[in-house]
Amino acid sequence: MPTRVLVRDIMNSPVVSASPDNTIVDVASKMKEHKIGSIVILERDTPVGVVTDWDIVSSAVARDIKPSTLKASEIMQQLHTIEGEDGVTEAARLLRKHNIKRLGVVYKSKLVGIISASDVISVTPDLVDVISEKASLLRGEIGRGIGNVSGYCDECGEWSDLLQFESGTFTCEECRSEAQG
């Protein structure tokens, strides 16, 4: 049976936030206090953007602009979001697609957390080994017959410890059953 890690299982909560009118000094102070690299900008409890440590460096420090003269609204970026019930694989895809390091996590249209690229990486430490094993199987470098392999199913995208290689793809037990039935 495939195992699926949900975004809500690894998100960071509660969300640390600031107002669009807060200065970059205020935002940076909150980041330091909470030991985090981003602050969600809320207007009337609605997320309107995000300010990251990189935004502060590139928009203020590198331009030699005094942080106390800049407001969060002047340097904030769009906050991309993902549903808490989505899988970590989808979070990784969105992070890469948008070339960002953080996503807001939404549940019932409300922001409930943040998930970062490091959070995604922390739950996939064996992924490189799995991909290497698959590649070795495909190249015929592993002398044993191809049996069950762990990894993501090429059909449904879910994690399974029971993948089998057939006709050029790795499929889980569930997808193989559906194909036969």
N, C-alpha and C. Protein backbone atom coordinates (compact mmCIF):
# COMPACT_ATOMS: atom_id res chain seq x y z
N MET A 1 0.84 -1.19 0.00
CA MET A 1 0.00 0.00 0.00
C MET A 1 0.89 1.25 0.00
N PRO A 2 0.61 2.22 -0.88
CA PRO A 2 1.44 3.42 -0.92
C PRO A 2 1.34 4.24 0.36
N THR A 3 2.43 4.88 0.72
CA THR A 3 2.47 5.76 1.87
C THR A 3 2.53 7.18 1.36
N ARG A 4 1.70 8.05 1.92
CA ARG A 4 1.65 9.42 1.45
C ARG A 4 1.87 10.37 2.62
N VAL A 5 2.89 11.21 2.51
CA VAL A 5 3.14 12.22 3.53
C VAL A 5 2.39 13.48 3.09
N LEU A 6 1.55 13.98 3.99
CA LEU A 6 0.75 15.17 3.67
C LEU A 6 1.48 16.43 4.11
N VAL A 7 1.19 17.51 3.40
CA VAL A 7 1.76 18.81 3.71
C VAL A 7 1.48 19.18 5.17
N ARG A 8 0.25 18.94 5.62
CA ARG A 8 -0.12 19.31 7.00
C ARG A 8 0.71 18.57 8.05
N ASP A 9 1.26 17.41 7.67
CA ASP A 9 2.06 16.62 8.62
C ASP A 9 3.41 17.25 8.90
N ILE A 10 3.91 18.07 7.99
CA ILE A 10 5.26 18.62 8.17
C ILE A 10 5.30 20.15 8.15
N MET A 11 4.13 20.79 8.03
CA MET A 11 4.12 22.25 7.98
C MET A 11 4.51 22.85 9.32
N ASN A 12 4.91 24.12 9.28
CA ASN A 12 5.24 24.87 10.49
C ASN A 12 4.03 25.73 10.84
N SER A 13 3.62 25.64 12.09
CA SER A 13 2.44 26.38 12.54
C SER A 13 2.67 26.72 14.01
N PRO A 14 2.19 27.84 14.50
CA PRO A 14 1.37 28.86 13.84
C PRO A 14 2.20 29.74 12.91
N VAL A 15 1.50 30.48 12.06
CA VAL A 15 2.15 31.38 11.11
C VAL A 15 2.54 32.67 11.83
N VAL A 16 3.78 33.09 11.65
CA VAL A 16 4.24 34.36 12.20
C VAL A 16 3.96 35.41 11.14
N SER A 17 3.30 36.50 11.56
CA SER A 17 2.86 37.48 10.56
C SER A 17 3.18 38.91 10.98
N ALA A 18 3.04 39.79 10.00
CA ALA A 18 3.22 41.23 10.23
C ALA A 18 2.20 41.95 9.34
N SER A 19 2.12 43.24 9.53
CA SER A 19 1.21 44.08 8.77
C SER A 19 1.95 44.68 7.56
N PRO A 20 1.24 45.02 6.49
CA PRO A 20 1.88 45.66 5.34
C PRO A 20 2.57 46.98 5.72
N ASP A 21 2.09 47.63 6.79
CA ASP A 21 2.67 48.91 7.22
C ASP A 21 3.88 48.77 8.13
N ASN A 22 4.17 47.55 8.59
CA ASN A 22 5.36 47.34 9.43
C ASN A 22 6.61 47.64 8.62
N THR A 23 7.61 48.20 9.30
CA THR A 23 8.88 48.47 8.62
C THR A 23 9.67 47.17 8.48
N ILE A 24 10.67 47.23 7.64
CA ILE A 24 11.54 46.07 7.45
C ILE A 24 12.31 45.77 8.75
N VAL A 25 12.58 46.78 9.55
CA VAL A 25 13.22 46.56 10.85
C VAL A 25 12.29 45.71 11.73
N ASP A 26 10.98 46.05 11.74
CA ASP A 26 10.01 45.28 12.52
C ASP A 26 9.96 43.82 12.04
N VAL A 27 9.92 43.65 10.72
CA VAL A 27 9.84 42.31 10.12
C VAL A 27 11.10 41.51 10.46
N ALA A 28 12.26 42.13 10.28
CA ALA A 28 13.52 41.45 10.57
C ALA A 28 13.63 41.08 12.05
N SER A 29 13.14 41.96 12.92
CA SER A 29 13.15 41.67 14.36
C SER A 29 12.30 40.45 14.69
N LYS A 30 11.13 40.34 14.04
CA LYS A 30 10.27 39.16 14.25
C LYS A 30 10.96 37.89 13.75
N MET A 31 11.63 38.01 12.60
CA MET A 31 12.36 36.85 12.07
C MET A 31 13.42 36.38 13.06
N LYS A 32 14.15 37.34 13.61
CA LYS A 32 15.20 37.01 14.57
C LYS A 32 14.60 36.40 15.83
N GLU A 33 13.55 37.01 16.34
CA GLU A 33 12.90 36.54 17.57
C GLU A 33 12.40 35.10 17.42
N HIS A 34 11.81 34.79 16.27
CA HIS A 34 11.22 33.46 16.05
C HIS A 34 12.18 32.49 15.35
N LYS A 35 13.38 32.99 15.00
CA LYS A 35 14.39 32.17 14.31
C LYS A 35 13.83 31.56 13.03
N ILE A 36 13.25 32.42 12.18
CA ILE A 36 12.66 31.99 10.92
C ILE A 36 13.16 32.88 9.78
N GLY A 37 12.95 32.46 8.57
CA GLY A 37 13.45 33.19 7.41
C GLY A 37 12.39 33.91 6.60
N SER A 38 11.15 33.92 7.10
CA SER A 38 10.10 34.64 6.37
C SER A 38 8.96 35.02 7.31
N ILE A 39 8.25 36.06 6.90
CA ILE A 39 7.10 36.55 7.66
C ILE A 39 5.95 36.72 6.66
N VAL A 40 4.80 36.19 7.00
CA VAL A 40 3.61 36.37 6.15
C VAL A 40 3.01 37.74 6.46
N ILE A 41 2.66 38.45 5.43
CA ILE A 41 2.06 39.77 5.58
C ILE A 41 0.55 39.62 5.50
N LEU A 42 -0.13 40.01 6.60
CA LEU A 42 -1.58 39.87 6.69
C LEU A 42 -2.24 41.24 6.73
N GLU A 43 -3.35 41.34 6.02
CA GLU A 43 -4.18 42.54 6.08
C GLU A 43 -5.59 42.06 6.44
N ARG A 44 -6.07 42.44 7.62
CA ARG A 44 -7.37 41.98 8.13
C ARG A 44 -7.46 40.44 8.09
N ASP A 45 -6.46 39.78 8.63
CA ASP A 45 -6.39 38.31 8.70
C ASP A 45 -6.32 37.61 7.34
N THR A 46 -6.10 38.35 6.27
CA THR A 46 -5.97 37.76 4.94
C THR A 46 -4.53 37.91 4.47
N PRO A 47 -3.89 36.79 4.05
CA PRO A 47 -2.51 36.89 3.57
C PRO A 47 -2.45 37.69 2.26
N VAL A 48 -1.58 38.71 2.24
CA VAL A 48 -1.43 39.52 1.04
C VAL A 48 -0.02 39.39 0.45
N GLY A 49 0.88 38.70 1.16
CA GLY A 49 2.23 38.51 0.65
C GLY A 49 3.13 37.88 1.69
N VAL A 50 4.41 37.82 1.34
CA VAL A 50 5.41 37.25 2.24
C VAL A 50 6.70 38.06 2.06
N VAL A 51 7.39 38.27 3.16
CA VAL A 51 8.71 38.91 3.13
C VAL A 51 9.70 37.87 3.64
N THR A 52 10.73 37.62 2.85
CA THR A 52 11.76 36.65 3.22
C THR A 52 13.06 37.37 3.54
N ASP A 53 13.97 36.63 4.16
CA ASP A 53 15.28 37.20 4.44
C ASP A 53 15.96 37.66 3.15
N TRP A 54 15.75 36.93 2.06
CA TRP A 54 16.32 37.30 0.77
C TRP A 54 15.73 38.63 0.27
N ASP A 55 14.43 38.83 0.48
CA ASP A 55 13.80 40.09 0.07
C ASP A 55 14.45 41.27 0.79
N ILE A 56 14.74 41.08 2.07
CA ILE A 56 15.36 42.15 2.86
C ILE A 56 16.77 42.45 2.34
N VAL A 57 17.52 41.39 2.08
CA VAL A 57 18.89 41.58 1.58
C VAL A 57 18.87 42.24 0.20
N SER A 58 18.05 41.72 -0.72
CA SER A 58 18.09 42.22 -2.09
C SER A 58 17.37 43.55 -2.29
N SER A 59 16.35 43.84 -1.50
CA SER A 59 15.57 45.07 -1.68
C SER A 59 16.00 46.22 -0.79
N ALA A 60 16.68 45.92 0.28
CA ALA A 60 17.08 47.00 1.19
C ALA A 60 18.60 47.06 1.33
N VAL A 61 19.19 46.03 1.89
CA VAL A 61 20.61 46.05 2.21
C VAL A 61 21.47 46.24 0.94
N ALA A 62 21.23 45.44 -0.10
CA ALA A 62 22.04 45.53 -1.31
C ALA A 62 21.86 46.85 -2.05
N ARG A 63 20.74 47.52 -1.82
CA ARG A 63 20.48 48.81 -2.46
C ARG A 63 20.82 49.98 -1.53
N ASP A 64 21.38 49.64 -0.36
CA ASP A 64 21.77 50.65 0.63
C ASP A 64 20.60 51.55 1.03
N ILE A 65 19.43 50.91 1.19
CA ILE A 65 18.24 51.63 1.66
C ILE A 65 18.06 51.30 3.13
N LYS A 66 17.85 52.32 3.93
CA LYS A 66 17.69 52.14 5.37
C LYS A 66 16.41 51.32 5.64
N PRO A 67 16.52 50.16 6.28
CA PRO A 67 15.37 49.29 6.53
C PRO A 67 14.22 49.96 7.29
N SER A 68 14.53 50.94 8.11
CA SER A 68 13.46 51.60 8.88
C SER A 68 12.62 52.53 8.00
N THR A 69 13.08 52.77 6.77
CA THR A 69 12.31 53.64 5.85
C THR A 69 11.47 52.84 4.86
N LEU A 70 11.63 51.53 4.85
CA LEU A 70 10.88 50.67 3.93
C LEU A 70 9.78 49.93 4.67
N LYS A 71 8.62 49.83 4.04
CA LYS A 71 7.52 49.07 4.62
C LYS A 71 7.48 47.67 4.00
N ALA A 72 6.91 46.75 4.73
CA ALA A 72 6.78 45.37 4.25
C ALA A 72 6.06 45.33 2.90
N SER A 73 5.04 46.16 2.74
CA SER A 73 4.26 46.17 1.49
C SER A 73 5.11 46.56 0.28
N GLU A 74 6.23 47.25 0.51
CA GLU A 74 7.07 47.70 -0.59
C GLU A 74 8.01 46.62 -1.13
N ILE A 75 8.26 45.60 -0.33
CA ILE A 75 9.18 44.56 -0.79
C ILE A 75 8.57 43.15 -0.77
N MET A 76 7.34 43.02 -0.28
CA MET A 76 6.75 41.67 -0.16
C MET A 76 6.53 41.06 -1.54
N GLN A 77 6.56 39.74 -1.54
CA GLN A 77 6.32 38.95 -2.74
C GLN A 77 4.99 38.21 -2.58
N GLN A 78 4.50 37.66 -3.69
CA GLN A 78 3.27 36.88 -3.65
C GLN A 78 3.49 35.63 -2.81
N LEU A 79 2.49 35.29 -2.00
CA LEU A 79 2.54 34.06 -1.22
C LEU A 79 1.79 32.98 -1.99
N HIS A 80 2.52 32.02 -2.53
CA HIS A 80 1.89 30.88 -3.20
C HIS A 80 1.42 29.92 -2.12
N THR A 81 0.31 29.24 -2.37
CA THR A 81 -0.26 28.37 -1.34
C THR A 81 -0.49 26.95 -1.86
N ILE A 82 -0.70 26.05 -0.90
CA ILE A 82 -1.00 24.65 -1.17
C ILE A 82 -1.99 24.20 -0.10
N GLU A 83 -2.84 23.26 -0.43
CA GLU A 83 -3.80 22.70 0.53
C GLU A 83 -3.06 21.76 1.49
N GLY A 84 -3.47 21.78 2.74
CA GLY A 84 -2.87 20.92 3.76
C GLY A 84 -3.01 19.45 3.46
N GLU A 85 -4.05 19.07 2.70
CA GLU A 85 -4.29 17.67 2.38
C GLU A 85 -3.48 17.18 1.18
N ASP A 86 -2.78 18.10 0.48
CA ASP A 86 -1.95 17.70 -0.65
C ASP A 86 -0.71 16.98 -0.15
N GLY A 87 -0.12 16.19 -1.02
CA GLY A 87 1.08 15.46 -0.67
C GLY A 87 2.33 16.32 -0.77
N VAL A 88 3.38 15.87 -0.09
CA VAL A 88 4.65 16.57 -0.09
C VAL A 88 5.22 16.64 -1.51
N THR A 89 4.93 15.63 -2.33
CA THR A 89 5.40 15.63 -3.71
C THR A 89 4.85 16.84 -4.47
N GLU A 90 3.59 17.15 -4.25
CA GLU A 90 2.98 18.32 -4.90
C GLU A 90 3.62 19.60 -4.39
N ALA A 91 3.94 19.65 -3.11
CA ALA A 91 4.62 20.83 -2.55
C ALA A 91 5.97 21.01 -3.24
N ALA A 92 6.71 19.93 -3.42
CA ALA A 92 8.01 20.00 -4.08
C ALA A 92 7.86 20.51 -5.51
N ARG A 93 6.84 20.03 -6.21
CA ARG A 93 6.59 20.48 -7.59
C ARG A 93 6.29 21.98 -7.64
N LEU A 94 5.45 22.46 -6.72
CA LEU A 94 5.11 23.88 -6.70
C LEU A 94 6.31 24.75 -6.34
N LEU A 95 7.09 24.32 -5.38
CA LEU A 95 8.29 25.08 -5.00
C LEU A 95 9.22 25.23 -6.20
N ARG A 96 9.40 24.14 -6.92
CA ARG A 96 10.28 24.18 -8.09
C ARG A 96 9.67 25.00 -9.21
N LYS A 97 8.39 24.81 -9.47
CA LYS A 97 7.70 25.52 -10.56
C LYS A 97 7.81 27.04 -10.38
N HIS A 98 7.61 27.51 -9.17
CA HIS A 98 7.62 28.95 -8.89
C HIS A 98 9.00 29.47 -8.48
N ASN A 99 9.97 28.55 -8.37
CA ASN A 99 11.33 28.90 -7.95
C ASN A 99 11.32 29.66 -6.63
N ILE A 100 10.64 29.08 -5.65
CA ILE A 100 10.52 29.68 -4.32
C ILE A 100 10.94 28.67 -3.27
N LYS A 101 11.05 29.13 -2.01
CA LYS A 101 11.48 28.25 -0.93
C LYS A 101 10.39 27.99 0.09
N ARG A 102 9.24 28.70 -0.02
CA ARG A 102 8.18 28.54 0.98
C ARG A 102 6.81 28.61 0.33
N LEU A 103 5.87 27.85 0.89
CA LEU A 103 4.47 27.89 0.47
C LEU A 103 3.60 28.10 1.70
N GLY A 104 2.54 28.87 1.54
CA GLY A 104 1.55 28.97 2.60
C GLY A 104 0.67 27.72 2.55
N VAL A 105 0.29 27.20 3.69
CA VAL A 105 -0.56 26.02 3.76
C VAL A 105 -1.97 26.46 4.13
N VAL A 106 -2.94 26.06 3.31
CA VAL A 106 -4.32 26.50 3.47
C VAL A 106 -5.21 25.31 3.83
N TYR A 107 -6.14 25.56 4.76
CA TYR A 107 -7.15 24.57 5.12
C TYR A 107 -8.48 25.31 5.25
N LYS A 108 -9.47 24.88 4.49
CA LYS A 108 -10.78 25.55 4.46
C LYS A 108 -10.63 27.05 4.20
N SER A 109 -9.83 27.36 3.19
CA SER A 109 -9.59 28.75 2.75
C SER A 109 -8.90 29.63 3.79
N LYS A 110 -8.31 29.03 4.81
CA LYS A 110 -7.63 29.80 5.84
C LYS A 110 -6.16 29.37 5.91
N LEU A 111 -5.26 30.36 6.03
CA LEU A 111 -3.84 30.07 6.14
C LEU A 111 -3.56 29.46 7.52
N VAL A 112 -3.01 28.24 7.52
CA VAL A 112 -2.79 27.54 8.79
C VAL A 112 -1.32 27.20 9.06
N GLY A 113 -0.47 27.40 8.05
CA GLY A 113 0.93 27.06 8.24
C GLY A 113 1.78 27.46 7.07
N ILE A 114 3.06 27.13 7.17
CA ILE A 114 4.05 27.38 6.13
C ILE A 114 4.84 26.09 5.95
N ILE A 115 5.14 25.76 4.71
CA ILE A 115 6.03 24.62 4.43
C ILE A 115 7.17 25.14 3.57
N SER A 116 8.38 24.73 3.93
CA SER A 116 9.56 25.21 3.22
C SER A 116 10.23 24.06 2.45
N ALA A 117 11.12 24.44 1.56
CA ALA A 117 11.88 23.44 0.82
C ALA A 117 12.65 22.55 1.79
N SER A 118 13.19 23.14 2.88
CA SER A 118 13.91 22.31 3.85
C SER A 118 13.01 21.30 4.54
N ASP A 119 11.74 21.69 4.77
CA ASP A 119 10.79 20.74 5.36
C ASP A 119 10.57 19.55 4.42
N VAL A 120 10.44 19.83 3.14
CA VAL A 120 10.24 18.77 2.14
C VAL A 120 11.46 17.87 2.10
N ILE A 121 12.64 18.48 2.07
CA ILE A 121 13.88 17.71 2.02
C ILE A 121 14.04 16.84 3.27
N SER A 122 13.61 17.35 4.41
CA SER A 122 13.79 16.60 5.66
C SER A 122 13.02 15.29 5.70
N VAL A 123 11.94 15.18 4.92
CA VAL A 123 11.17 13.94 4.93
C VAL A 123 11.52 13.02 3.76
N THR A 124 12.49 13.43 2.96
CA THR A 124 12.86 12.59 1.82
C THR A 124 14.36 12.29 1.78
N PRO A 125 14.97 11.98 2.92
CA PRO A 125 16.42 11.77 2.92
C PRO A 125 16.88 10.56 2.11
N ASP A 126 16.02 9.57 1.94
CA ASP A 126 16.42 8.36 1.22
C ASP A 126 16.09 8.44 -0.27
N LEU A 127 15.53 9.56 -0.70
CA LEU A 127 15.09 9.69 -2.09
C LEU A 127 16.23 9.49 -3.08
N VAL A 128 17.40 10.02 -2.80
CA VAL A 128 18.53 9.88 -3.71
C VAL A 128 18.91 8.41 -3.85
N ASP A 129 18.90 7.67 -2.74
CA ASP A 129 19.21 6.24 -2.80
C ASP A 129 18.19 5.49 -3.65
N VAL A 130 16.93 5.85 -3.49
CA VAL A 130 15.86 5.19 -4.25
C VAL A 130 16.02 5.45 -5.75
N ILE A 131 16.29 6.70 -6.10
CA ILE A 131 16.46 7.05 -7.51
C ILE A 131 17.69 6.35 -8.08
N SER A 132 18.76 6.30 -7.30
CA SER A 132 19.97 5.61 -7.75
C SER A 132 19.70 4.13 -7.98
N GLU A 133 18.93 3.52 -7.08
CA GLU A 133 18.60 2.10 -7.23
C GLU A 133 17.77 1.88 -8.49
N LYS A 134 16.79 2.75 -8.73
CA LYS A 134 15.98 2.64 -9.95
C LYS A 134 16.84 2.76 -11.20
N ALA A 135 17.74 3.74 -11.19
CA ALA A 135 18.61 3.95 -12.35
C ALA A 135 19.50 2.73 -12.59
N SER A 136 20.02 2.15 -11.52
CA SER A 136 20.86 0.96 -11.64
C SER A 136 20.06 -0.22 -12.19
N LEU A 137 18.83 -0.36 -11.76
CA LEU A 137 17.97 -1.41 -12.29
C LEU A 137 17.74 -1.22 -13.78
N LEU A 138 17.44 0.02 -14.17
CA LEU A 138 17.17 0.30 -15.58
C LEU A 138 18.40 0.04 -16.45
N ARG A 139 19.56 0.35 -15.92
CA ARG A 139 20.80 0.14 -16.69
C ARG A 139 21.29 -1.30 -16.60
N GLY A 140 20.62 -2.13 -15.79
CA GLY A 140 21.02 -3.52 -15.66
C GLY A 140 22.27 -3.71 -14.81
N GLU A 141 22.60 -2.71 -13.98
CA GLU A 141 23.81 -2.78 -13.16
C GLU A 141 23.62 -3.63 -11.92
N ILE A 142 22.38 -3.86 -11.52
CA ILE A 142 22.11 -4.68 -10.34
C ILE A 142 21.84 -6.09 -10.84
N GLY A 143 22.64 -7.05 -10.34
CA GLY A 143 22.60 -8.41 -10.86
C GLY A 143 21.36 -9.21 -10.55
N ARG A 144 20.63 -8.82 -9.53
CA ARG A 144 19.45 -9.61 -9.17
C ARG A 144 18.30 -9.27 -10.10
N GLY A 145 17.34 -10.13 -10.14
CA GLY A 145 16.14 -9.85 -10.93
C GLY A 145 15.39 -8.68 -10.34
N ILE A 146 14.65 -7.99 -11.14
CA ILE A 146 13.91 -6.83 -10.65
C ILE A 146 12.69 -7.31 -9.88
N GLY A 147 12.71 -7.03 -8.60
CA GLY A 147 11.57 -7.36 -7.75
C GLY A 147 10.91 -6.09 -7.31
N ASN A 148 10.50 -6.04 -6.07
CA ASN A 148 9.88 -4.83 -5.53
C ASN A 148 10.94 -3.79 -5.20
N VAL A 149 10.63 -2.54 -5.55
CA VAL A 149 11.51 -1.41 -5.30
C VAL A 149 10.69 -0.33 -4.61
N SER A 150 11.31 0.44 -3.74
CA SER A 150 10.63 1.58 -3.10
C SER A 150 10.81 2.82 -3.96
N GLY A 151 9.76 3.65 -3.99
CA GLY A 151 9.83 4.90 -4.73
C GLY A 151 8.45 5.42 -5.08
N TYR A 152 8.43 6.41 -5.97
CA TYR A 152 7.16 6.99 -6.41
C TYR A 152 6.67 6.28 -7.67
N CYS A 153 5.41 5.92 -7.67
CA CYS A 153 4.78 5.24 -8.81
C CYS A 153 4.72 6.20 -10.00
N ASP A 154 5.12 5.71 -11.18
CA ASP A 154 5.09 6.53 -12.38
C ASP A 154 3.67 6.81 -12.85
N GLU A 155 2.70 6.03 -12.41
CA GLU A 155 1.31 6.22 -12.81
C GLU A 155 0.56 7.21 -11.91
N CYS A 156 0.54 6.94 -10.60
CA CYS A 156 -0.25 7.76 -9.68
C CYS A 156 0.58 8.78 -8.90
N GLY A 157 1.92 8.62 -8.91
CA GLY A 157 2.78 9.57 -8.21
C GLY A 157 2.88 9.35 -6.71
N GLU A 158 2.26 8.30 -6.19
CA GLU A 158 2.29 8.02 -4.75
C GLU A 158 3.49 7.15 -4.40
N TRP A 159 3.94 7.26 -3.14
CA TRP A 159 5.06 6.45 -2.65
C TRP A 159 4.59 5.03 -2.42
N SER A 160 5.43 4.07 -2.78
CA SER A 160 5.13 2.67 -2.53
C SER A 160 6.43 1.91 -2.29
N ASP A 161 6.36 0.92 -1.42
CA ASP A 161 7.50 0.03 -1.21
C ASP A 161 7.40 -1.20 -2.11
N LEU A 162 6.34 -1.24 -2.93
CA LEU A 162 6.08 -2.40 -3.77
C LEU A 162 6.04 -2.05 -5.26
N LEU A 163 6.92 -1.17 -5.70
CA LEU A 163 6.98 -0.83 -7.13
C LEU A 163 7.57 -1.99 -7.90
N GLN A 164 7.05 -2.18 -9.11
CA GLN A 164 7.64 -3.16 -10.02
C GLN A 164 7.84 -2.50 -11.37
N PHE A 165 8.96 -2.86 -12.02
CA PHE A 165 9.31 -2.28 -13.31
C PHE A 165 8.76 -3.17 -14.42
N GLU A 166 7.95 -2.58 -15.27
CA GLU A 166 7.38 -3.32 -16.38
C GLU A 166 7.05 -2.35 -17.51
N SER A 167 7.40 -2.70 -18.71
CA SER A 167 7.14 -1.89 -19.90
C SER A 167 7.66 -0.47 -19.75
N GLY A 168 8.83 -0.33 -19.15
CA GLY A 168 9.47 0.98 -19.06
C GLY A 168 9.00 1.89 -17.94
N THR A 169 8.09 1.42 -17.06
CA THR A 169 7.63 2.25 -15.95
C THR A 169 7.62 1.46 -14.65
N PHE A 170 7.73 2.20 -13.55
CA PHE A 170 7.60 1.63 -12.22
C PHE A 170 6.18 1.90 -11.75
N THR A 171 5.45 0.84 -11.40
CA THR A 171 4.06 1.02 -10.95
C THR A 171 3.85 0.32 -9.61
N CYS A 172 2.95 0.91 -8.82
CA CYS A 172 2.62 0.34 -7.51
C CYS A 172 1.61 -0.79 -7.67
N GLU A 173 1.40 -1.50 -6.59
CA GLU A 173 0.48 -2.64 -6.57
C GLU A 173 -0.93 -2.22 -6.98
N GLU A 174 -1.37 -1.06 -6.47
CA GLU A 174 -2.72 -0.57 -6.76
C GLU A 174 -2.91 -0.27 -8.25
N CYS A 175 -1.94 0.41 -8.85
CA CYS A 175 -2.04 0.74 -10.28
C CYS A 175 -1.95 -0.52 -11.16
N ARG A 176 -1.14 -1.49 -10.72
CA ARG A 176 -1.04 -2.75 -11.47
C ARG A 176 -2.38 -3.48 -11.43
N SER A 177 -3.06 -3.44 -10.25
CA SER A 177 -4.38 -4.09 -10.10
C SER A 177 -5.40 -3.42 -11.00
N GLU A 178 -5.39 -2.09 -11.04
CA GLU A 178 -6.34 -1.34 -11.89
C GLU A 178 -6.12 -1.65 -13.36
N ALA A 179 -4.85 -1.80 -13.77
CA ALA A 179 -4.52 -2.08 -15.17
C ALA A 179 -4.99 -3.47 -15.58
N GLN A 180 -4.95 -4.41 -14.61
CA GLN A 180 -5.38 -5.78 -14.91
C GLN A 180 -6.88 -5.94 -14.88
N GLY A 181 -7.54 -5.13 -14.05
CA GLY A 181 -8.97 -5.29 -13.83
C GLY A 181 -9.72 -4.40 -14.71
